[in-house]
Amino acid sequence: KVAVAVARTTAGVRKVINLLEVLPDEDI
């Protein structure tokens, strides 16, 4: 969520394509 929010509010970014693999906290 943080990464997407940062990217989408960065000047010049037209759109964000989220290809992140979301894992449980324990795995990270």
PDB file of all heavy atoms in Angstrom:
ATOM      1  N   LYS A   1       0.827  -1.211   0.000  1.00  0.00           N
ATOM      2  CA  LYS A   1       0.000   0.000   0.000  1.00  0.00           C
ATOM      3  C   LYS A   1       0.860   1.258   0.000  1.00  0.00           C
ATOM      4  O   LYS A   1       0.566   2.225  -0.709  1.00  0.00           O
ATOM      5  CB  LYS A   1      -0.927  -0.006   1.221  1.00  0.00           C
ATOM      6  CG  LYS A   1      -2.048  -1.021   1.102  1.00  0.00           C
ATOM      7  CD  LYS A   1      -2.914  -1.044   2.342  1.00  0.00           C
ATOM      8  CE  LYS A   1      -4.000  -2.103   2.202  1.00  0.00           C
ATOM      9  NZ  LYS A   1      -4.754  -2.295   3.431  1.00  0.00           N
ATOM     10  N   VAL A   2       1.935   1.240   0.790  1.00  0.00           N
ATOM     11  CA  VAL A   2       2.832   2.393   0.847  1.00  0.00           C
ATOM     12  C   VAL A   2       3.488   2.617  -0.519  1.00  0.00           C
ATOM     13  O   VAL A   2       3.529   3.733  -1.037  1.00  0.00           O
ATOM     14  CB  VAL A   2       3.915   2.208   1.939  1.00  0.00           C
ATOM     15  CG1 VAL A   2       5.015   3.257   1.812  1.00  0.00           C
ATOM     16  CG2 VAL A   2       3.291   2.251   3.323  1.00  0.00           C
ATOM     17  N   ALA A   3       3.991   1.537  -1.116  1.00  0.00           N
ATOM     18  CA  ALA A   3       4.682   1.645  -2.412  1.00  0.00           C
ATOM     19  C   ALA A   3       3.752   2.203  -3.485  1.00  0.00           C
ATOM     20  O   ALA A   3       4.139   3.091  -4.250  1.00  0.00           O
ATOM     21  CB  ALA A   3       5.230   0.285  -2.829  1.00  0.00           C
ATOM     22  N   VAL A   4       2.538   1.698  -3.529  1.00  0.00           N
ATOM     23  CA  VAL A   4       1.574   2.177  -4.525  1.00  0.00           C
ATOM     24  C   VAL A   4       1.237   3.647  -4.268  1.00  0.00           C
ATOM     25  O   VAL A   4       1.197   4.456  -5.199  1.00  0.00           O
ATOM     26  CB  VAL A   4       0.307   1.295  -4.541  1.00  0.00           C
ATOM     27  CG1 VAL A   4      -0.803   1.939  -5.354  1.00  0.00           C
ATOM     28  CG2 VAL A   4       0.637  -0.102  -5.080  1.00  0.00           C
ATOM     29  N   ALA A   5       1.024   4.003  -2.995  1.00  0.00           N
ATOM     30  CA  ALA A   5       0.695   5.396  -2.661  1.00  0.00           C
ATOM     31  C   ALA A   5       1.842   6.335  -3.032  1.00  0.00           C
ATOM     32  O   ALA A   5       1.614   7.421  -3.584  1.00  0.00           O
ATOM     33  CB  ALA A   5       0.369   5.516  -1.170  1.00  0.00           C
ATOM     34  N   VAL A   6       3.068   5.916  -2.758  1.00  0.00           N
ATOM     35  CA  VAL A   6       4.232   6.744  -3.097  1.00  0.00           C
ATOM     36  C   VAL A   6       4.322   6.915  -4.610  1.00  0.00           C
ATOM     37  O   VAL A   6       4.482   8.023  -5.123  1.00  0.00           O
ATOM     38  CB  VAL A   6       5.531   6.123  -2.525  1.00  0.00           C
ATOM     39  CG1 VAL A   6       6.767   6.749  -3.164  1.00  0.00           C
ATOM     40  CG2 VAL A   6       5.577   6.287  -1.013  1.00  0.00           C
ATOM     41  N   ALA A   7       4.210   5.808  -5.337  1.00  0.00           N
ATOM     42  CA  ALA A   7       4.352   5.870  -6.798  1.00  0.00           C
ATOM     43  C   ALA A   7       3.262   6.724  -7.427  1.00  0.00           C
ATOM     44  O   ALA A   7       3.539   7.565  -8.287  1.00  0.00           O
ATOM     45  CB  ALA A   7       4.340   4.462  -7.393  1.00  0.00           C
ATOM     46  N   ARG A   8       2.033   6.549  -6.983  1.00  0.00           N
ATOM     47  CA  ARG A   8       0.930   7.251  -7.649  1.00  0.00           C
ATOM     48  C   ARG A   8       0.901   8.743  -7.348  1.00  0.00           C
ATOM     49  O   ARG A   8       0.234   9.509  -8.038  1.00  0.00           O
ATOM     50  CB  ARG A   8      -0.411   6.600  -7.334  1.00  0.00           C
ATOM     51  CG  ARG A   8      -0.879   6.773  -5.915  1.00  0.00           C
ATOM     52  CD  ARG A   8      -2.098   5.953  -5.604  1.00  0.00           C
ATOM     53  NE  ARG A   8      -3.166   6.230  -6.538  1.00  0.00           N
ATOM     54  CZ  ARG A   8      -4.438   6.288  -6.240  1.00  0.00           C
ATOM     55  NH1 ARG A   8      -4.823   6.064  -5.008  1.00  0.00           N
ATOM     56  NH2 ARG A   8      -5.347   6.562  -7.140  1.00  0.00           N
ATOM     57  N   THR A   9       1.629   9.168  -6.312  1.00  0.00           N
ATOM     58  CA  THR A   9       1.680  10.596  -5.984  1.00  0.00           C
ATOM     59  C   THR A   9       3.007  11.223  -6.394  1.00  0.00           C
ATOM     60  O   THR A   9       3.319  12.340  -5.986  1.00  0.00           O
ATOM     61  CB  THR A   9       1.441  10.815  -4.472  1.00  0.00           C
ATOM     62  OG1 THR A   9       2.426  10.085  -3.730  1.00  0.00           O
ATOM     63  CG2 THR A   9       0.041  10.371  -4.066  1.00  0.00           C
ATOM     64  N   THR A  10       3.795  10.513  -7.193  1.00  0.00           N
ATOM     65  CA  THR A  10       5.068  11.053  -7.677  1.00  0.00           C
ATOM     66  C   THR A  10       4.818  11.820  -8.976  1.00  0.00           C
ATOM     67  O   THR A  10       4.162  11.320  -9.881  1.00  0.00           O
ATOM     68  CB  THR A  10       6.078   9.905  -7.919  1.00  0.00           C
ATOM     69  OG1 THR A  10       6.309   9.223  -6.676  1.00  0.00           O
ATOM     70  CG2 THR A  10       7.401  10.447  -8.447  1.00  0.00           C
ATOM     71  N   ALA A  11       5.345  13.021  -9.034  1.00  0.00           N
ATOM     72  CA  ALA A  11       5.165  13.865 -10.220  1.00  0.00           C
ATOM     73  C   ALA A  11       5.661  13.141 -11.468  1.00  0.00           C
ATOM     74  O   ALA A  11       6.743  12.551 -11.465  1.00  0.00           O
ATOM     75  CB  ALA A  11       5.914  15.181 -10.046  1.00  0.00           C
ATOM     76  N   GLY A  12       4.841  13.181 -12.513  1.00  0.00           N
ATOM     77  CA  GLY A  12       5.209  12.573 -13.782  1.00  0.00           C
ATOM     78  C   GLY A  12       4.639  11.185 -14.006  1.00  0.00           C
ATOM     79  O   GLY A  12       4.595  10.703 -15.138  1.00  0.00           O
ATOM     80  N   VAL A  13       4.209  10.529 -12.945  1.00  0.00           N
ATOM     81  CA  VAL A  13       3.646   9.179 -13.078  1.00  0.00           C
ATOM     82  C   VAL A  13       2.216   9.289 -13.602  1.00  0.00           C
ATOM     83  O   VAL A  13       1.361   9.914 -12.979  1.00  0.00           O
ATOM     84  CB  VAL A  13       3.671   8.417 -11.733  1.00  0.00           C
ATOM     85  CG1 VAL A  13       2.941   7.090 -11.847  1.00  0.00           C
ATOM     86  CG2 VAL A  13       5.106   8.207 -11.267  1.00  0.00           C
ATOM     87  N   ARG A  14       1.952   8.709 -14.779  1.00  0.00           N
ATOM     88  CA  ARG A  14       0.617   8.716 -15.377  1.00  0.00           C
ATOM     89  C   ARG A  14      -0.278   7.663 -14.747  1.00  0.00           C
ATOM     90  O   ARG A  14      -1.463   7.881 -14.546  1.00  0.00           O
ATOM     91  CB  ARG A  14       0.695   8.418 -16.883  1.00  0.00           C
ATOM     92  CG  ARG A  14       1.112   9.511 -17.770  1.00  0.00           C
ATOM     93  CD  ARG A  14       0.940   9.144 -19.248  1.00  0.00           C
ATOM     94  NE  ARG A  14       1.480   7.834 -19.633  1.00  0.00           N
ATOM     95  CZ  ARG A  14       0.746   6.732 -19.843  1.00  0.00           C
ATOM     96  NH1 ARG A  14      -0.544   6.738 -19.720  1.00  0.00           N
ATOM     97  NH2 ARG A  14       1.334   5.593 -20.200  1.00  0.00           N
ATOM     98  N   LYS A  15       0.286   6.478 -14.506  1.00  0.00           N
ATOM     99  CA  LYS A  15      -0.460   5.410 -13.843  1.00  0.00           C
ATOM    100  C   LYS A  15       0.529   4.451 -13.220  1.00  0.00           C
ATOM    101  O   LYS A  15       1.710   4.426 -13.573  1.00  0.00           O
ATOM    102  CB  LYS A  15      -1.384   4.682 -14.814  1.00  0.00           C
ATOM    103  CG  LYS A  15      -0.690   3.862 -15.881  1.00  0.00           C
ATOM    104  CD  LYS A  15      -1.715   3.130 -16.747  1.00  0.00           C
ATOM    105  CE  LYS A  15      -1.016   2.403 -17.896  1.00  0.00           C
ATOM    106  NZ  LYS A  15      -1.972   1.664 -18.719  1.00  0.00           N
ATOM    107  N   VAL A  16       0.048   3.647 -12.273  1.00  0.00           N
ATOM    108  CA  VAL A  16       0.866   2.672 -11.567  1.00  0.00           C
ATOM    109  C   VAL A  16       0.332   1.287 -11.889  1.00  0.00           C
ATOM    110  O   VAL A  16      -0.873   1.047 -11.817  1.00  0.00           O
ATOM    111  CB  VAL A  16       0.831   2.908 -10.037  1.00  0.00           C
ATOM    112  CG1 VAL A  16       1.600   1.824  -9.291  1.00  0.00           C
ATOM    113  CG2 VAL A  16       1.375   4.287  -9.709  1.00  0.00           C
ATOM    114  N   ILE A  17       1.232   0.390 -12.267  1.00  0.00           N
ATOM    115  CA  ILE A  17       0.858  -1.010 -12.506  1.00  0.00           C
ATOM    116  C   ILE A  17       1.498  -1.819 -11.397  1.00  0.00           C
ATOM    117  O   ILE A  17       2.730  -1.921 -11.305  1.00  0.00           O
ATOM    118  CB  ILE A  17       1.306  -1.509 -13.904  1.00  0.00           C
ATOM    119  CG1 ILE A  17       0.585  -0.728 -15.013  1.00  0.00           C
ATOM    120  CG2 ILE A  17       0.989  -2.992 -14.055  1.00  0.00           C
ATOM    121  CD1 ILE A  17       1.257   0.492 -15.447  1.00  0.00           C
ATOM    122  N   ASN A  18       0.673  -2.373 -10.533  1.00  0.00           N
ATOM    123  CA  ASN A  18       1.119  -3.083  -9.343  1.00  0.00           C
ATOM    124  C   ASN A  18       1.355  -4.554  -9.682  1.00  0.00           C
ATOM    125  O   ASN A  18       0.414  -5.314  -9.856  1.00  0.00           O
ATOM    126  CB  ASN A  18       0.059  -2.924  -8.245  1.00  0.00           C
ATOM    127  CG  ASN A  18       0.441  -3.622  -6.966  1.00  0.00           C
ATOM    128  OD1 ASN A  18       1.465  -4.290  -6.874  1.00  0.00           O
ATOM    129  ND2 ASN A  18      -0.395  -3.463  -5.960  1.00  0.00           N
ATOM    130  N   LEU A  19       2.628  -4.948  -9.739  1.00  0.00           N
ATOM    131  CA  LEU A  19       3.004  -6.341  -9.969  1.00  0.00           C
ATOM    132  C   LEU A  19       3.681  -6.922  -8.725  1.00  0.00           C
ATOM    133  O   LEU A  19       4.379  -7.924  -8.799  1.00  0.00           O
ATOM    134  CB  LEU A  19       3.955  -6.447 -11.168  1.00  0.00           C
ATOM    135  CG  LEU A  19       3.454  -5.886 -12.493  1.00  0.00           C
ATOM    136  CD1 LEU A  19       4.526  -6.013 -13.574  1.00  0.00           C
ATOM    137  CD2 LEU A  19       2.180  -6.575 -12.931  1.00  0.00           C
ATOM    138  N   LEU A  20       3.463  -6.285  -7.586  1.00  0.00           N
ATOM    139  CA  LEU A  20       4.089  -6.717  -6.336  1.00  0.00           C
ATOM    140  C   LEU A  20       3.525  -8.065  -5.884  1.00  0.00           C
ATOM    141  O   LEU A  20       2.333  -8.322  -6.027  1.00  0.00           O
ATOM    142  CB  LEU A  20       3.854  -5.681  -5.239  1.00  0.00           C
ATOM    143  CG  LEU A  20       4.490  -4.311  -5.466  1.00  0.00           C
ATOM    144  CD1 LEU A  20       3.921  -3.290  -4.503  1.00  0.00           C
ATOM    145  CD2 LEU A  20       6.003  -4.405  -5.337  1.00  0.00           C
ATOM    146  N   GLU A  21       4.393  -8.892  -5.316  1.00  0.00           N
ATOM    147  CA  GLU A  21       3.960 -10.144  -4.696  1.00  0.00           C
ATOM    148  C   GLU A  21       3.783  -9.859  -3.215  1.00  0.00           C
ATOM    149  O   GLU A  21       4.745  -9.529  -2.522  1.00  0.00           O
ATOM    150  CB  GLU A  21       5.004 -11.240  -4.882  1.00  0.00           C
ATOM    151  CG  GLU A  21       5.078 -11.781  -6.285  1.00  0.00           C
ATOM    152  CD  GLU A  21       6.058 -12.939  -6.371  1.00  0.00           C
ATOM    153  OE1 GLU A  21       5.698 -14.068  -5.988  1.00  0.00           O
ATOM    154  OE2 GLU A  21       7.192 -12.678  -6.808  1.00  0.00           O
ATOM    155  N   VAL A  22       2.567  -9.983  -2.737  1.00  0.00           N
ATOM    156  CA  VAL A  22       2.268  -9.694  -1.337  1.00  0.00           C
ATOM    157  C   VAL A  22       2.329 -11.011  -0.549  1.00  0.00           C
ATOM    158  O   VAL A  22       1.629 -11.966  -0.861  1.00  0.00           O
ATOM    159  CB  VAL A  22       0.887  -9.027  -1.190  1.00  0.00           C
ATOM    160  CG1 VAL A  22       0.564  -8.780   0.278  1.00  0.00           C
ATOM    161  CG2 VAL A  22       0.860  -7.721  -1.978  1.00  0.00           C
ATOM    162  N   LEU A  23       3.205 -11.018   0.458  1.00  0.00           N
ATOM    163  CA  LEU A  23       3.398 -12.187   1.301  1.00  0.00           C
ATOM    164  C   LEU A  23       2.999 -11.858   2.737  1.00  0.00           C
ATOM    165  O   LEU A  23       3.020 -10.690   3.137  1.00  0.00           O
ATOM    166  CB  LEU A  23       4.869 -12.617   1.279  1.00  0.00           C
ATOM    167  CG  LEU A  23       5.471 -12.980  -0.078  1.00  0.00           C
ATOM    168  CD1 LEU A  23       6.961 -13.266   0.060  1.00  0.00           C
ATOM    169  CD2 LEU A  23       4.762 -14.172  -0.686  1.00  0.00           C
ATOM    170  N   PRO A  24       2.690 -12.879   3.534  1.00  0.00           N
ATOM    171  CA  PRO A  24       2.393 -12.634   4.954  1.00  0.00           C
ATOM    172  C   PRO A  24       3.606 -12.034   5.662  1.00  0.00           C
ATOM    173  O   PRO A  24       4.758 -12.273   5.266  1.00  0.00           O
ATOM    174  CB  PRO A  24       2.083 -14.032   5.505  1.00  0.00           C
ATOM    175  CG  PRO A  24       1.750 -14.874   4.318  1.00  0.00           C
ATOM    176  CD  PRO A  24       2.523 -14.285   3.168  1.00  0.00           C
ATOM    177  N   ASP A  25       3.348 -11.268   6.735  1.00  0.00           N
ATOM    178  CA  ASP A  25       4.420 -10.616   7.493  1.00  0.00           C
ATOM    179  C   ASP A  25       5.497 -11.601   7.923  1.00  0.00           C
ATOM    180  O   ASP A  25       6.685 -11.295   7.864  1.00  0.00           O
ATOM    181  CB  ASP A  25       3.852  -9.918   8.737  1.00  0.00           C
ATOM    182  CG  ASP A  25       3.016  -8.711   8.392  1.00  0.00           C
ATOM    183  OD1 ASP A  25       3.139  -8.188   7.258  1.00  0.00           O
ATOM    184  OD2 ASP A  25       2.229  -8.266   9.253  1.00  0.00           O
ATOM    185  N   GLU A  26       5.089 -12.794   8.366  1.00  0.00           N
ATOM    186  CA  GLU A  26       6.055 -13.790   8.854  1.00  0.00           C
ATOM    187  C   GLU A  26       7.025 -14.177   7.735  1.00  0.00           C
ATOM    188  O   GLU A  26       8.217 -14.355   7.978  1.00  0.00           O
ATOM    189  CB  GLU A  26       5.366 -15.066   9.361  1.00  0.00           C
ATOM    190  CG  GLU A  26       4.240 -14.871  10.346  1.00  0.00           C
ATOM    191  CD  GLU A  26       2.916 -14.453   9.676  1.00  0.00           C
ATOM    192  OE1 GLU A  26       2.430 -15.148   8.757  1.00  0.00           O
ATOM    193  OE2 GLU A  26       2.382 -13.412  10.092  1.00  0.00           O
ATOM    194  N   ASP A  27       6.517 -14.333   6.522  1.00  0.00           N
ATOM    195  CA  ASP A  27       7.378 -14.707   5.398  1.00  0.00           C
ATOM    196  C   ASP A  27       8.362 -13.589   5.072  1.00  0.00           C
ATOM    197  O   ASP A  27       9.535 -13.848   4.782  1.00  0.00           O
ATOM    198  CB  ASP A  27       6.544 -15.035   4.155  1.00  0.00           C
ATOM    199  CG  ASP A  27       5.756 -16.332   4.292  1.00  0.00           C
ATOM    200  OD1 ASP A  27       5.955 -17.062   5.293  1.00  0.00           O
ATOM    201  OD2 ASP A  27       4.942 -16.620   3.399  1.00  0.00           O
ATOM    202  N   ILE A  28       7.897 -12.348   5.102  1.00  0.00           N
ATOM    203  CA  ILE A  28       8.783 -11.212   4.831  1.00  0.00           C
ATOM    204  C   ILE A  28       9.873 -11.140   5.896  1.00  0.00           C
ATOM    205  O   ILE A  28      11.049 -10.943   5.582  1.00  0.00           O
ATOM    206  CB  ILE A  28       7.993  -9.883   4.768  1.00  0.00           C
ATOM    207  CG1 ILE A  28       7.028  -9.890   3.578  1.00  0.00           C
ATOM    208  CG2 ILE A  28       8.930  -8.678   4.713  1.00  0.00           C
ATOM    209  CD1 ILE A  28       7.688  -9.904   2.209  1.00  0.00           C
TER     210      ILE A  28
END
